Amino acid sequence: MAIRKLLSLVFSHLVLFLVGLGISTSQGLQLGFYRQTCPNAESTIHGMVQQFISKDRTLAAPLLRMHFHDCFVRGCDGSVLLNSTNTNQAEKDAVPNQTLRGFNVIDTIKSALEKDCPGVVSCADILALVARDSVAMVGGPSWVVPTGRKDGRVSIASEALAQLPSPFANINQLKQNFAAKGLSVKDLVVLSGGHTIGIGHCFVISNRLYNFSGRGDTDPSLDPAYAAELKKKCKPGDTTTVVEMDPGSSKLFDDDYYTVVARRRGLFQSDAALLNDIQTRIYVILQSSTNGITFAQDFAASMVKLGNVGVLTGSQGEIRKQCAMVN
């Protein structure tokens, strides 16, 4: 525990050092991008996230998930924030995104920034910074977030349905999903650790509990005792009940997710799938047996990679005035 805290402290000081240097990334992003044009942007975002999380710690998980879902479709361009129109169904209304929440957080922060610095800070950058700050405020690591992303103008529900990793996916499908975004197998198992916070809906695991292979059976990869517990909470046809993904600590970002998965108690099939590949299984066992010895640093590194996926910069995209609609 002491070693992890020391590493986290060193990492935080490194972040401040890099920001001071104004280092750019190969994607055209830059640490401290708004230093001249909106100097209080990041502190404003941090302060407002702190207000929201202090009132409702359960917001951290959906805000992290929103950033993840944004980056997996058309890159980290804020397209998940756009509303549908009469002629287009947007990502926000795709089935995997219908359980997202926290859009009001992004809209409130955007409104405040527009008052201070009109037309300067992108919704995509707000989402990336909010995800980082939300995780840190519930006990997780922090990481560098280079900024300068532009907002996309296109959002299509069918793309979200096709490209977002599914909770029903097997390990090969998950590896393909991540590889398509330039993310490695290690990124896959590390970012899955984000399930240490948040909840899942009973209707998503219903088949896993009651009709896994179409014969009224339970998924054999799920610990039988845990399956029995879940059946007490999730009755057949239940569309409203939610359960913790990391029972007992779903509001705290810790390494317990890997212990849950190692005990065959991962909530989704995609969690259980991590035991079906040698590389992901070794990582799960390592973290579960060492109290997450490298998880915090690994998660921070993978989130930096995720935040660089398919970004729009320079003359690409736009800076939306409102995150839910194009200019």
C-alpha atoms as a PDB file:
ATOM      1  CA  MET A   1       0.000   0.000   0.000  1.00  0.00           C
ATOM      2  CA  ALA A   2       2.813   2.423   0.915  1.00  0.00           C
ATOM      3  CA  ILE A   3       4.614   1.694  -2.352  1.00  0.00           C
ATOM      4  CA  ARG A   4       1.448   2.345  -4.373  1.00  0.00           C
ATOM      5  CA  LYS A   5       0.898   5.686  -2.592  1.00  0.00           C
ATOM      6  CA  LEU A   6       4.514   6.677  -3.251  1.00  0.00           C
ATOM      7  CA  LEU A   7       4.219   5.811  -6.934  1.00  0.00           C
ATOM      8  CA  SER A   8       0.973   7.775  -7.155  1.00  0.00           C
ATOM      9  CA  LEU A   9       2.665  10.804  -5.545  1.00  0.00           C
ATOM     10  CA  VAL A  10       5.604  10.599  -7.953  1.00  0.00           C
ATOM     11  CA  PHE A  11       3.166  10.329 -10.851  1.00  0.00           C
ATOM     12  CA  SER A  12       1.278  13.434  -9.687  1.00  0.00           C
ATOM     13  CA  HIS A  13       4.497  15.468  -9.513  1.00  0.00           C
ATOM     14  CA  LEU A  14       5.447  14.216 -12.974  1.00  0.00           C
ATOM     15  CA  VAL A  15       2.083  15.445 -14.284  1.00  0.00           C
ATOM     16  CA  LEU A  16       2.738  18.942 -12.923  1.00  0.00           C
ATOM     17  CA  PHE A  17       6.249  18.928 -14.382  1.00  0.00           C
ATOM     18  CA  LEU A  18       5.029  17.902 -17.829  1.00  0.00           C
ATOM     19  CA  VAL A  19       2.268  20.490 -17.797  1.00  0.00           C
ATOM     20  CA  GLY A  20       4.883  23.110 -17.069  1.00  0.00           C
ATOM     21  CA  LEU A  21       6.842  22.002 -20.126  1.00  0.00           C
ATOM     22  CA  GLY A  22       3.751  22.145 -22.357  1.00  0.00           C
ATOM     23  CA  ILE A  23       4.668  18.837 -23.997  1.00  0.00           C
ATOM     24  CA  SER A  24       2.759  17.869 -27.145  1.00  0.00           C
ATOM     25  CA  THR A  25       1.685  14.388 -28.240  1.00  0.00           C
ATOM     26  CA  SER A  26       1.961  12.810 -31.666  1.00  0.00           C
ATOM     27  CA  GLN A  27      -1.814  13.256 -32.011  1.00  0.00           C
ATOM     28  CA  GLY A  28      -1.495  17.046 -31.832  1.00  0.00           C
ATOM     29  CA  LEU A  29      -2.715  17.322 -28.240  1.00  0.00           C
ATOM     30  CA  GLN A  30      -0.801  19.321 -25.667  1.00  0.00           C
ATOM     31  CA  LEU A  31      -0.580  19.382 -21.900  1.00  0.00           C
ATOM     32  CA  GLY A  32      -1.859  22.752 -20.745  1.00  0.00           C
ATOM     33  CA  PHE A  33      -3.392  23.519 -24.149  1.00  0.00           C
ATOM     34  CA  TYR A  34      -5.725  26.145 -22.629  1.00  0.00           C
ATOM     35  CA  ARG A  35      -3.034  27.824 -20.538  1.00  0.00           C
ATOM     36  CA  GLN A  36      -3.266  31.049 -22.576  1.00  0.00           C
ATOM     37  CA  THR A  37      -6.809  30.945 -23.987  1.00  0.00           C
ATOM     38  CA  CYS A  38      -8.719  29.783 -20.906  1.00  0.00           C
ATOM     39  CA  PRO A  39      -6.234  29.541 -18.015  1.00  0.00           C
ATOM     40  CA  ASN A  40      -8.785  28.487 -15.405  1.00  0.00           C
ATOM     41  CA  ALA A  41     -10.427  25.798 -17.539  1.00  0.00           C
ATOM     42  CA  GLU A  42      -8.932  22.739 -15.857  1.00  0.00           C
ATOM     43  CA  SER A  43      -9.296  24.109 -12.336  1.00  0.00           C
ATOM     44  CA  THR A  44     -12.923  25.042 -13.070  1.00  0.00           C
ATOM     45  CA  ILE A  45     -13.623  21.529 -14.340  1.00  0.00           C
ATOM     46  CA  HIS A  46     -11.893  19.967 -11.339  1.00  0.00           C
ATOM     47  CA  GLY A  47     -13.820  22.108  -8.877  1.00  0.00           C
ATOM     48  CA  MET A  48     -17.186  21.420 -10.470  1.00  0.00           C
ATOM     49  CA  VAL A  49     -16.538  17.672 -10.681  1.00  0.00           C
ATOM     50  CA  GLN A  50     -15.641  17.744  -7.002  1.00  0.00           C
ATOM     51  CA  GLN A  51     -18.995  19.383  -6.216  1.00  0.00           C
ATOM     52  CA  PHE A  52     -20.936  16.754  -8.155  1.00  0.00           C
ATOM     53  CA  ILE A  53     -18.994  13.754  -6.798  1.00  0.00           C
ATOM     54  CA  SER A  54     -19.173  14.994  -3.206  1.00  0.00           C
ATOM     55  CA  LYS A  55     -22.957  14.967  -3.504  1.00  0.00           C
ATOM     56  CA  ASP A  56     -23.167  11.652  -5.386  1.00  0.00           C
ATOM     57  CA  ARG A  57     -20.161   9.310  -5.534  1.00  0.00           C
ATOM     58  CA  THR A  58     -22.047   6.973  -7.865  1.00  0.00           C
ATOM     59  CA  LEU A  59     -21.569   9.516 -10.673  1.00  0.00           C
ATOM     60  CA  ALA A  60     -17.880   8.619 -11.041  1.00  0.00           C
ATOM     61  CA  ALA A  61     -18.564   5.313 -12.792  1.00  0.00           C
ATOM     62  CA  PRO A  62     -20.982   6.620 -15.467  1.00  0.00           C
ATOM     63  CA  LEU A  63     -18.719   9.602 -16.189  1.00  0.00           C
ATOM     64  CA  LEU A  64     -15.761   7.261 -16.727  1.00  0.00           C
ATOM     65  CA  ARG A  65     -17.947   4.993 -18.857  1.00  0.00           C
ATOM     66  CA  MET A  66     -19.161   7.963 -20.930  1.00  0.00           C
ATOM     67  CA  HIS A  67     -15.573   8.859 -21.883  1.00  0.00           C
ATOM     68  CA  PHE A  68     -14.853   5.213 -22.739  1.00  0.00           C
ATOM     69  CA  HIS A  69     -17.967   4.964 -24.902  1.00  0.00           C
ATOM     70  CA  ASP A  70     -17.100   8.241 -26.604  1.00  0.00           C
ATOM     71  CA  CYS A  71     -13.574   7.169 -27.537  1.00  0.00           C
ATOM     72  CA  PHE A  72     -14.640   3.782 -28.909  1.00  0.00           C
ATOM     73  CA  VAL A  73     -16.875   5.349 -31.567  1.00  0.00           C
ATOM     74  CA  ARG A  74     -15.248   7.858 -33.964  1.00  0.00           C
ATOM     75  CA  GLY A  75     -12.539   8.512 -31.398  1.00  0.00           C
ATOM     76  CA  CYS A  76     -12.591  10.885 -28.420  1.00  0.00           C
ATOM     77  CA  ASP A  77     -14.622  13.597 -30.178  1.00  0.00           C
ATOM     78  CA  GLY A  78     -17.603  14.122 -27.881  1.00  0.00           C
ATOM     79  CA  SER A  79     -19.940  12.420 -30.355  1.00  0.00           C
ATOM     80  CA  VAL A  80     -21.610  10.454 -27.530  1.00  0.00           C
ATOM     81  CA  LEU A  81     -22.921  13.767 -26.167  1.00  0.00           C
ATOM     82  CA  LEU A  82     -24.902  14.743 -29.266  1.00  0.00           C
ATOM     83  CA  ASN A  83     -28.691  14.462 -29.248  1.00  0.00           C
ATOM     84  CA  SER A  84     -30.609  12.647 -31.954  1.00  0.00           C
ATOM     85  CA  THR A  85     -32.421  14.736 -34.559  1.00  0.00           C
ATOM     86  CA  ASN A  86     -35.491  14.162 -36.717  1.00  0.00           C
ATOM     87  CA  THR A  87     -33.239  12.699 -39.418  1.00  0.00           C
ATOM     88  CA  ASN A  88     -30.583  10.910 -37.343  1.00  0.00           C
ATOM     89  CA  GLN A  89     -30.462   8.600 -34.345  1.00  0.00           C
ATOM     90  CA  ALA A  90     -27.319   9.540 -32.409  1.00  0.00           C
ATOM     91  CA  GLU A  91     -24.953   7.353 -30.375  1.00  0.00           C
ATOM     92  CA  LYS A  92     -26.623   8.522 -27.177  1.00  0.00           C
ATOM     93  CA  ASP A  93     -29.758   6.570 -28.128  1.00  0.00           C
ATOM     94  CA  ALA A  94     -28.011   3.341 -29.136  1.00  0.00           C
ATOM     95  CA  VAL A  95     -28.916   0.443 -26.841  1.00  0.00           C
ATOM     96  CA  PRO A  96     -25.479   0.280 -25.103  1.00  0.00           C
ATOM     97  CA  ASN A  97     -25.698   3.992 -24.282  1.00  0.00           C
ATOM     98  CA  GLN A  98     -29.257   4.138 -23.031  1.00  0.00           C
ATOM     99  CA  THR A  99     -28.062   3.475 -19.469  1.00  0.00           C
ATOM    100  CA  LEU A 100     -25.458   6.263 -19.552  1.00  0.00           C
ATOM    101  CA  ARG A 101     -26.014   9.123 -17.137  1.00  0.00           C
ATOM    102  CA  GLY A 102     -24.188  12.246 -16.091  1.00  0.00           C
ATOM    103  CA  PHE A 103     -24.853  14.289 -19.228  1.00  0.00           C
ATOM    104  CA  ASN A 104     -26.068  17.081 -16.927  1.00  0.00           C
ATOM    105  CA  VAL A 105     -22.592  17.223 -15.363  1.00  0.00           C
ATOM    106  CA  ILE A 106     -20.957  17.825 -18.737  1.00  0.00           C
ATOM    107  CA  ASP A 107     -23.599  20.377 -19.760  1.00  0.00           C
ATOM    108  CA  THR A 108     -23.267  22.312 -16.498  1.00  0.00           C
ATOM    109  CA  ILE A 109     -19.480  22.462 -16.780  1.00  0.00           C
ATOM    110  CA  LYS A 110     -19.667  23.479 -20.452  1.00  0.00           C
ATOM    111  CA  SER A 111     -22.097  26.285 -19.604  1.00  0.00           C
ATOM    112  CA  ALA A 112     -19.730  27.645 -16.943  1.00  0.00           C
ATOM    113  CA  LEU A 113     -16.752  27.530 -19.312  1.00  0.00           C
ATOM    114  CA  GLU A 114     -18.712  29.250 -22.083  1.00  0.00           C
ATOM    115  CA  LYS A 115     -19.325  32.167 -19.720  1.00  0.00           C
ATOM    116  CA  ASP A 116     -15.609  32.463 -18.932  1.00  0.00           C
ATOM    117  CA  CYS A 117     -14.122  31.570 -22.333  1.00  0.00           C
ATOM    118  CA  PRO A 118     -16.733  31.456 -25.114  1.00  0.00           C
ATOM    119  CA  GLY A 119     -15.995  29.002 -27.911  1.00  0.00           C
ATOM    120  CA  VAL A 120     -12.657  27.837 -26.503  1.00  0.00           C
ATOM    121  CA  VAL A 121     -12.925  24.554 -24.561  1.00  0.00           C
ATOM    122  CA  SER A 122     -14.230  21.504 -26.426  1.00  0.00           C
ATOM    123  CA  CYS A 123     -16.792  19.086 -25.061  1.00  0.00           C
ATOM    124  CA  ALA A 124     -14.413  16.225 -25.906  1.00  0.00           C
ATOM    125  CA  ASP A 125     -11.731  17.721 -23.644  1.00  0.00           C
ATOM    126  CA  ILE A 126     -14.252  18.341 -20.876  1.00  0.00           C
ATOM    127  CA  LEU A 127     -15.286  14.688 -21.008  1.00  0.00           C
ATOM    128  CA  ALA A 128     -11.663  13.465 -20.880  1.00  0.00           C
ATOM    129  CA  LEU A 129     -10.834  15.700 -17.904  1.00  0.00           C
ATOM    130  CA  VAL A 130     -14.062  14.874 -16.059  1.00  0.00           C
ATOM    131  CA  ALA A 131     -13.365  11.136 -16.390  1.00  0.00           C
ATOM    132  CA  ARG A 132      -9.866  11.576 -14.931  1.00  0.00           C
ATOM    133  CA  ASP A 133     -10.999  13.766 -12.043  1.00  0.00           C
ATOM    134  CA  SER A 134     -13.990  11.544 -11.233  1.00  0.00           C
ATOM    135  CA  VAL A 135     -11.814   8.463 -10.867  1.00  0.00           C
ATOM    136  CA  ALA A 136      -9.259  10.282  -8.708  1.00  0.00           C
ATOM    137  CA  MET A 137     -12.000  11.592  -6.422  1.00  0.00           C
ATOM    138  CA  VAL A 138     -13.232   8.096  -5.552  1.00  0.00           C
ATOM    139  CA  GLY A 139      -9.815   6.717  -4.671  1.00  0.00           C
ATOM    140  CA  GLY A 140      -8.394   5.940  -8.093  1.00  0.00           C
ATOM    141  CA  PRO A 141      -5.220   7.153  -9.796  1.00  0.00           C
ATOM    142  CA  SER A 142      -4.788  10.379 -11.713  1.00  0.00           C
ATOM    143  CA  TRP A 143      -3.173  10.652 -15.140  1.00  0.00           C
ATOM    144  CA  VAL A 144      -1.984  13.217 -17.619  1.00  0.00           C
ATOM    145  CA  VAL A 145      -4.679  14.520 -19.989  1.00  0.00           C
ATOM    146  CA  PRO A 146      -3.232  16.404 -22.953  1.00  0.00           C
ATOM    147  CA  THR A 147      -5.915  18.689 -24.372  1.00  0.00           C
ATOM    148  CA  GLY A 148      -6.739  20.340 -27.676  1.00  0.00           C
ATOM    149  CA  ARG A 149      -9.365  17.874 -28.921  1.00  0.00           C
ATOM    150  CA  LYS A 150     -12.015  19.226 -31.249  1.00  0.00           C
ATOM    151  CA  ASP A 151     -15.650  18.126 -31.215  1.00  0.00           C
ATOM    152  CA  GLY A 152     -17.010  15.899 -33.964  1.00  0.00           C
ATOM    153  CA  ARG A 153     -20.091  16.763 -35.994  1.00  0.00           C
ATOM    154  CA  VAL A 154     -21.308  13.212 -36.632  1.00  0.00           C
ATOM    155  CA  SER A 155     -22.974  10.760 -34.234  1.00  0.00           C
ATOM    156  CA  ILE A 156     -24.634   7.562 -35.476  1.00  0.00           C
ATOM    157  CA  ALA A 157     -26.360   5.036 -33.225  1.00  0.00           C
ATOM    158  CA  SER A 158     -25.576   2.040 -35.432  1.00  0.00           C
ATOM    159  CA  GLU A 159     -21.837   2.734 -35.126  1.00  0.00           C
ATOM    160  CA  ALA A 160     -22.074   2.615 -31.338  1.00  0.00           C
ATOM    161  CA  LEU A 161     -23.926  -0.673 -31.494  1.00  0.00           C
ATOM    162  CA  ALA A 162     -21.305  -2.151 -33.811  1.00  0.00           C
ATOM    163  CA  GLN A 163     -18.129  -0.824 -32.177  1.00  0.00           C
ATOM    164  CA  LEU A 164     -18.658  -0.725 -28.409  1.00  0.00           C
ATOM    165  CA  PRO A 165     -17.405  -3.812 -26.554  1.00  0.00           C
ATOM    166  CA  SER A 166     -20.396  -5.883 -25.491  1.00  0.00           C
ATOM    167  CA  PRO A 167     -21.003  -7.239 -21.976  1.00  0.00           C
ATOM    168  CA  PHE A 168     -21.839 -10.508 -23.764  1.00  0.00           C
ATOM    169  CA  ALA A 169     -18.536 -10.642 -25.695  1.00  0.00           C
ATOM    170  CA  ASN A 170     -16.065 -13.511 -25.548  1.00  0.00           C
ATOM    171  CA  ILE A 171     -12.344 -12.871 -25.240  1.00  0.00           C
ATOM    172  CA  ASN A 172     -11.661 -12.992 -28.984  1.00  0.00           C
ATOM    173  CA  GLN A 173     -14.370 -10.437 -29.697  1.00  0.00           C
ATOM    174  CA  LEU A 174     -13.015  -8.172 -26.955  1.00  0.00           C
ATOM    175  CA  LYS A 175      -9.478  -8.403 -28.319  1.00  0.00           C
ATOM    176  CA  GLN A 176     -10.759  -7.473 -31.779  1.00  0.00           C
ATOM    177  CA  ASN A 177     -12.712  -4.502 -30.364  1.00  0.00           C
ATOM    178  CA  PHE A 178      -9.649  -3.121 -28.621  1.00  0.00           C
ATOM    179  CA  ALA A 179      -7.203  -3.845 -31.438  1.00  0.00           C
ATOM    180  CA  ALA A 180      -9.449  -1.905 -33.834  1.00  0.00           C
ATOM    181  CA  LYS A 181      -8.808   1.179 -31.671  1.00  0.00           C
ATOM    182  CA  GLY A 182      -5.060   0.628 -31.415  1.00  0.00           C
ATOM    183  CA  LEU A 183      -5.328  -0.735 -27.889  1.00  0.00           C
ATOM    184  CA  SER A 184      -3.461  -3.817 -26.697  1.00  0.00           C
ATOM    185  CA  VAL A 185      -4.544  -6.939 -24.866  1.00  0.00           C
ATOM    186  CA  LYS A 186      -2.999  -5.438 -21.745  1.00  0.00           C
ATOM    187  CA  ASP A 187      -5.112  -2.305 -22.228  1.00  0.00           C
ATOM    188  CA  LEU A 188      -8.151  -4.575 -22.469  1.00  0.00           C
ATOM    189  CA  VAL A 189      -7.576  -6.281 -19.132  1.00  0.00           C
ATOM    190  CA  VAL A 190      -6.450  -3.068 -17.433  1.00  0.00           C
ATOM    191  CA  LEU A 191      -9.365  -0.921 -18.609  1.00  0.00           C
ATOM    192  CA  SER A 192     -11.778  -3.713 -17.656  1.00  0.00           C
ATOM    193  CA  GLY A 193     -10.666  -2.857 -14.132  1.00  0.00           C
ATOM    194  CA  GLY A 194     -12.843   0.237 -14.433  1.00  0.00           C
ATOM    195  CA  HIS A 195     -15.648  -2.133 -13.435  1.00  0.00           C
ATOM    196  CA  THR A 196     -14.360  -1.779  -9.890  1.00  0.00           C
ATOM    197  CA  ILE A 197     -16.860   1.086  -9.629  1.00  0.00           C
ATOM    198  CA  GLY A 198     -20.462   1.227 -10.756  1.00  0.00           C
ATOM    199  CA  ILE A 199     -23.446  -0.995 -11.244  1.00  0.00           C
ATOM    200  CA  GLY A 200     -24.927  -3.360 -13.803  1.00  0.00           C
ATOM    201  CA  HIS A 201     -28.562  -3.847 -14.737  1.00  0.00           C
ATOM    202  CA  CYS A 202     -30.301  -7.136 -14.056  1.00  0.00           C
ATOM    203  CA  PHE A 203     -31.698  -7.340 -17.574  1.00  0.00           C
ATOM    204  CA  VAL A 204     -28.126  -7.492 -18.942  1.00  0.00           C
ATOM    205  CA  ILE A 205     -27.299 -10.636 -16.927  1.00  0.00           C
ATOM    206  CA  SER A 206     -30.744 -12.262 -17.106  1.00  0.00           C
ATOM    207  CA  ASN A 207     -29.802 -14.807 -19.768  1.00  0.00           C
ATOM    208  CA  ARG A 208     -26.584 -15.569 -17.929  1.00  0.00           C
ATOM    209  CA  LEU A 209     -28.616 -16.471 -14.849  1.00  0.00           C
ATOM    210  CA  TYR A 210     -31.686 -18.116 -16.320  1.00  0.00           C
ATOM    211  CA  ASN A 211     -31.230 -19.181 -19.940  1.00  0.00           C
ATOM    212  CA  PHE A 212     -27.567 -19.195 -20.838  1.00  0.00           C
ATOM    213  CA  SER A 213     -27.645 -21.786 -23.609  1.00  0.00           C
ATOM    214  CA  GLY A 214     -31.372 -21.691 -24.317  1.00  0.00           C
ATOM    215  CA  ARG A 215     -32.180 -24.599 -21.981  1.00  0.00           C
ATOM    216  CA  GLY A 216     -33.071 -22.673 -18.833  1.00  0.00           C
ATOM    217  CA  ASP A 217     -29.549 -23.037 -17.456  1.00  0.00           C
ATOM    218  CA  THR A 218     -27.034 -20.796 -15.714  1.00  0.00           C
ATOM    219  CA  ASP A 219     -23.659 -19.818 -17.182  1.00  0.00           C
ATOM    220  CA  PRO A 220     -21.283 -22.533 -15.878  1.00  0.00           C
ATOM    221  CA  SER A 221     -18.406 -20.017 -15.746  1.00  0.00           C
ATOM    222  CA  LEU A 222     -20.241 -18.111 -12.982  1.00  0.00           C
ATOM    223  CA  ASP A 223     -19.563 -19.209  -9.409  1.00  0.00           C
ATOM    224  CA  PRO A 224     -22.718 -21.157  -8.401  1.00  0.00           C
ATOM    225  CA  ALA A 225     -22.946 -19.555  -4.960  1.00  0.00           C
ATOM    226  CA  TYR A 226     -22.723 -16.084  -6.471  1.00  0.00           C
ATOM    227  CA  ALA A 227     -25.258 -17.006  -9.136  1.00  0.00           C
ATOM    228  CA  ALA A 228     -27.663 -17.960  -6.352  1.00  0.00           C
ATOM    229  CA  GLU A 229     -27.098 -14.574  -4.685  1.00  0.00           C
ATOM    230  CA  LEU A 230     -27.746 -12.740  -7.929  1.00  0.00           C
ATOM    231  CA  LYS A 231     -30.957 -14.683  -8.537  1.00  0.00           C
ATOM    232  CA  LYS A 232     -32.322 -13.373  -5.238  1.00  0.00           C
ATOM    233  CA  LYS A 233     -31.861  -9.824  -6.503  1.00  0.00           C
ATOM    234  CA  CYS A 234     -32.522 -10.264 -10.218  1.00  0.00           C
ATOM    235  CA  LYS A 235     -35.770 -12.059 -10.977  1.00  0.00           C
ATOM    236  CA  PRO A 236     -36.645 -13.180 -14.541  1.00  0.00           C
ATOM    237  CA  GLY A 237     -37.892 -10.247 -16.591  1.00  0.00           C
ATOM    238  CA  ASP A 238     -36.573  -7.646 -14.110  1.00  0.00           C
ATOM    239  CA  THR A 239     -35.828  -4.472 -16.091  1.00  0.00           C
ATOM    240  CA  THR A 240     -35.234  -2.016 -13.252  1.00  0.00           C
ATOM    241  CA  THR A 241     -33.035  -3.546 -10.529  1.00  0.00           C
ATOM    242  CA  VAL A 242     -29.296  -2.858 -10.506  1.00  0.00           C
ATOM    243  CA  VAL A 243     -26.469  -4.731  -8.780  1.00  0.00           C
ATOM    244  CA  GLU A 244     -22.903  -3.757  -7.898  1.00  0.00           C
ATOM    245  CA  MET A 245     -20.179  -4.838 -10.305  1.00  0.00           C
ATOM    246  CA  ASP A 246     -17.695  -4.966  -7.433  1.00  0.00           C
ATOM    247  CA  PRO A 247     -19.846  -6.017  -4.456  1.00  0.00           C
ATOM    248  CA  GLY A 248     -19.112  -4.070  -1.293  1.00  0.00           C
ATOM    249  CA  SER A 249     -16.862  -1.419  -2.830  1.00  0.00           C
ATOM    250  CA  SER A 250     -18.648  -0.203  -5.955  1.00  0.00           C
ATOM    251  CA  LYS A 251     -18.169   3.445  -4.902  1.00  0.00           C
ATOM    252  CA  LEU A 252     -14.424   3.048  -4.285  1.00  0.00           C
ATOM    253  CA  PHE A 253     -11.899   2.730  -7.100  1.00  0.00           C
ATOM    254  CA  ASP A 254      -9.677  -0.103  -5.891  1.00  0.00           C
ATOM    255  CA  ASP A 255      -8.142  -3.324  -7.207  1.00  0.00           C
ATOM    256  CA  ASP A 256     -10.833  -5.643  -5.815  1.00  0.00           C
ATOM    257  CA  TYR A 257     -12.328  -6.168  -9.286  1.00  0.00           C
ATOM    258  CA  TYR A 258      -9.554  -8.646 -10.095  1.00  0.00           C
ATOM    259  CA  THR A 259     -10.259 -10.676  -6.964  1.00  0.00           C
ATOM    260  CA  VAL A 260     -13.915 -10.777  -7.985  1.00  0.00           C
ATOM    261  CA  VAL A 261     -13.036 -12.000 -11.491  1.00  0.00           C
ATOM    262  CA  ALA A 262     -10.495 -14.540 -10.179  1.00  0.00           C
ATOM    263  CA  ARG A 263     -13.244 -16.003  -7.954  1.00  0.00           C
ATOM    264  CA  ARG A 264     -15.482 -16.354 -11.051  1.00  0.00           C
ATOM    265  CA  ARG A 265     -17.794 -13.625  -9.764  1.00  0.00           C
ATOM    266  CA  GLY A 266     -17.418 -11.116 -12.595  1.00  0.00           C
ATOM    267  CA  LEU A 267     -20.889  -9.750 -13.337  1.00  0.00           C
ATOM    268  CA  PHE A 268     -20.765  -9.793 -17.137  1.00  0.00           C
ATOM    269  CA  GLN A 269     -19.680 -12.458 -19.591  1.00  0.00           C
ATOM    270  CA  SER A 270     -17.019  -9.992 -20.742  1.00  0.00           C
ATOM    271  CA  ASP A 271     -15.601  -9.987 -17.198  1.00  0.00           C
ATOM    272  CA  ALA A 272     -15.541 -13.774 -17.036  1.00  0.00           C
ATOM    273  CA  ALA A 273     -13.888 -13.836 -20.477  1.00  0.00           C
ATOM    274  CA  LEU A 274     -10.688 -12.413 -18.981  1.00  0.00           C
ATOM    275  CA  LEU A 275      -9.980 -15.879 -17.541  1.00  0.00           C
ATOM    276  CA  ASN A 276     -10.111 -17.443 -21.013  1.00  0.00           C
ATOM    277  CA  ASP A 277      -6.871 -15.954 -22.373  1.00  0.00           C
ATOM    278  CA  ILE A 278      -3.419 -16.625 -20.988  1.00  0.00           C
ATOM    279  CA  GLN A 279      -2.286 -12.979 -21.009  1.00  0.00           C
ATOM    280  CA  THR A 280      -5.423 -11.534 -19.443  1.00  0.00           C
ATOM    281  CA  ARG A 281      -5.689 -14.412 -16.938  1.00  0.00           C
ATOM    282  CA  ILE A 282      -2.103 -13.886 -15.760  1.00  0.00           C
ATOM    283  CA  TYR A 283      -2.822 -10.195 -15.211  1.00  0.00           C
ATOM    284  CA  VAL A 284      -6.012 -10.943 -13.263  1.00  0.00           C
ATOM    285  CA  ILE A 285      -4.180 -13.418 -11.037  1.00  0.00           C
ATOM    286  CA  LEU A 286      -1.236 -11.047 -10.518  1.00  0.00           C
ATOM    287  CA  GLN A 287      -3.425  -8.150  -9.383  1.00  0.00           C
ATOM    288  CA  SER A 288      -5.715 -10.311  -7.260  1.00  0.00           C
ATOM    289  CA  SER A 289      -2.788 -11.903  -5.437  1.00  0.00           C
ATOM    290  CA  THR A 290      -0.777  -8.724  -4.828  1.00  0.00           C
ATOM    291  CA  ASN A 291      -3.467  -6.204  -3.828  1.00  0.00           C
ATOM    292  CA  GLY A 292      -3.235  -4.605  -7.265  1.00  0.00           C
ATOM    293  CA  ILE A 293       0.501  -3.989  -7.169  1.00  0.00           C
ATOM    294  CA  THR A 294       0.647  -2.297 -10.606  1.00  0.00           C
ATOM    295  CA  PHE A 295      -3.028  -1.627 -11.328  1.00  0.00           C
ATOM    296  CA  ALA A 296      -3.101   2.103 -10.523  1.00  0.00           C
ATOM    297  CA  GLN A 297      -0.116   2.891 -12.753  1.00  0.00           C
ATOM    298  CA  ASP A 298      -1.334   0.545 -15.474  1.00  0.00           C
ATOM    299  CA  PHE A 299      -4.818   2.057 -15.455  1.00  0.00           C
ATOM    300  CA  ALA A 300      -3.413   5.572 -15.726  1.00  0.00           C
ATOM    301  CA  ALA A 301      -1.213   4.568 -18.674  1.00  0.00           C
ATOM    302  CA  SER A 302      -4.058   2.827 -20.518  1.00  0.00           C
ATOM    303  CA  MET A 303      -6.381   5.783 -19.957  1.00  0.00           C
ATOM    304  CA  VAL A 304      -3.808   8.082 -21.572  1.00  0.00           C
ATOM    305  CA  LYS A 305      -3.778   5.773 -24.601  1.00  0.00           C
ATOM    306  CA  LEU A 306      -7.577   5.627 -24.675  1.00  0.00           C
ATOM    307  CA  GLY A 307      -7.797   9.416 -24.562  1.00  0.00           C
ATOM    308  CA  ASN A 308      -5.642   9.656 -27.696  1.00  0.00           C
ATOM    309  CA  VAL A 309      -7.830   7.406 -29.840  1.00  0.00           C
ATOM    310  CA  GLY A 310      -9.039   9.053 -33.050  1.00  0.00           C
ATOM    311  CA  VAL A 311      -8.840  12.614 -31.769  1.00  0.00           C
ATOM    312  CA  LEU A 312      -9.695  15.590 -33.964  1.00  0.00           C
ATOM    313  CA  THR A 313      -7.283  18.544 -33.710  1.00  0.00           C
ATOM    314  CA  GLY A 314      -6.356  21.729 -35.520  1.00  0.00           C
ATOM    315  CA  SER A 315      -8.794  22.544 -38.317  1.00  0.00           C
ATOM    316  CA  GLN A 316     -10.723  19.303 -37.839  1.00  0.00           C
ATOM    317  CA  GLY A 317     -14.092  19.350 -36.081  1.00  0.00           C
ATOM    318  CA  GLU A 318     -15.350  22.334 -34.100  1.00  0.00           C
ATOM    319  CA  ILE A 319     -15.765  23.739 -30.594  1.00  0.00           C
ATOM    320  CA  ARG A 320     -19.447  23.236 -29.833  1.00  0.00           C
ATOM    321  CA  LYS A 321     -21.321  25.984 -28.028  1.00  0.00           C
ATOM    322  CA  GLN A 322     -23.559  23.321 -26.486  1.00  0.00           C
ATOM    323  CA  CYS A 323     -22.362  19.745 -26.091  1.00  0.00           C
ATOM    324  CA  ALA A 324     -25.663  18.183 -27.142  1.00  0.00           C
ATOM    325  CA  MET A 325     -25.789  19.791 -30.581  1.00  0.00           C
ATOM    326  CA  VAL A 326     -23.478  20.808 -33.392  1.00  0.00           C
ATOM    327  CA  ASN A 327     -23.027  24.513 -34.051  1.00  0.00           C
END
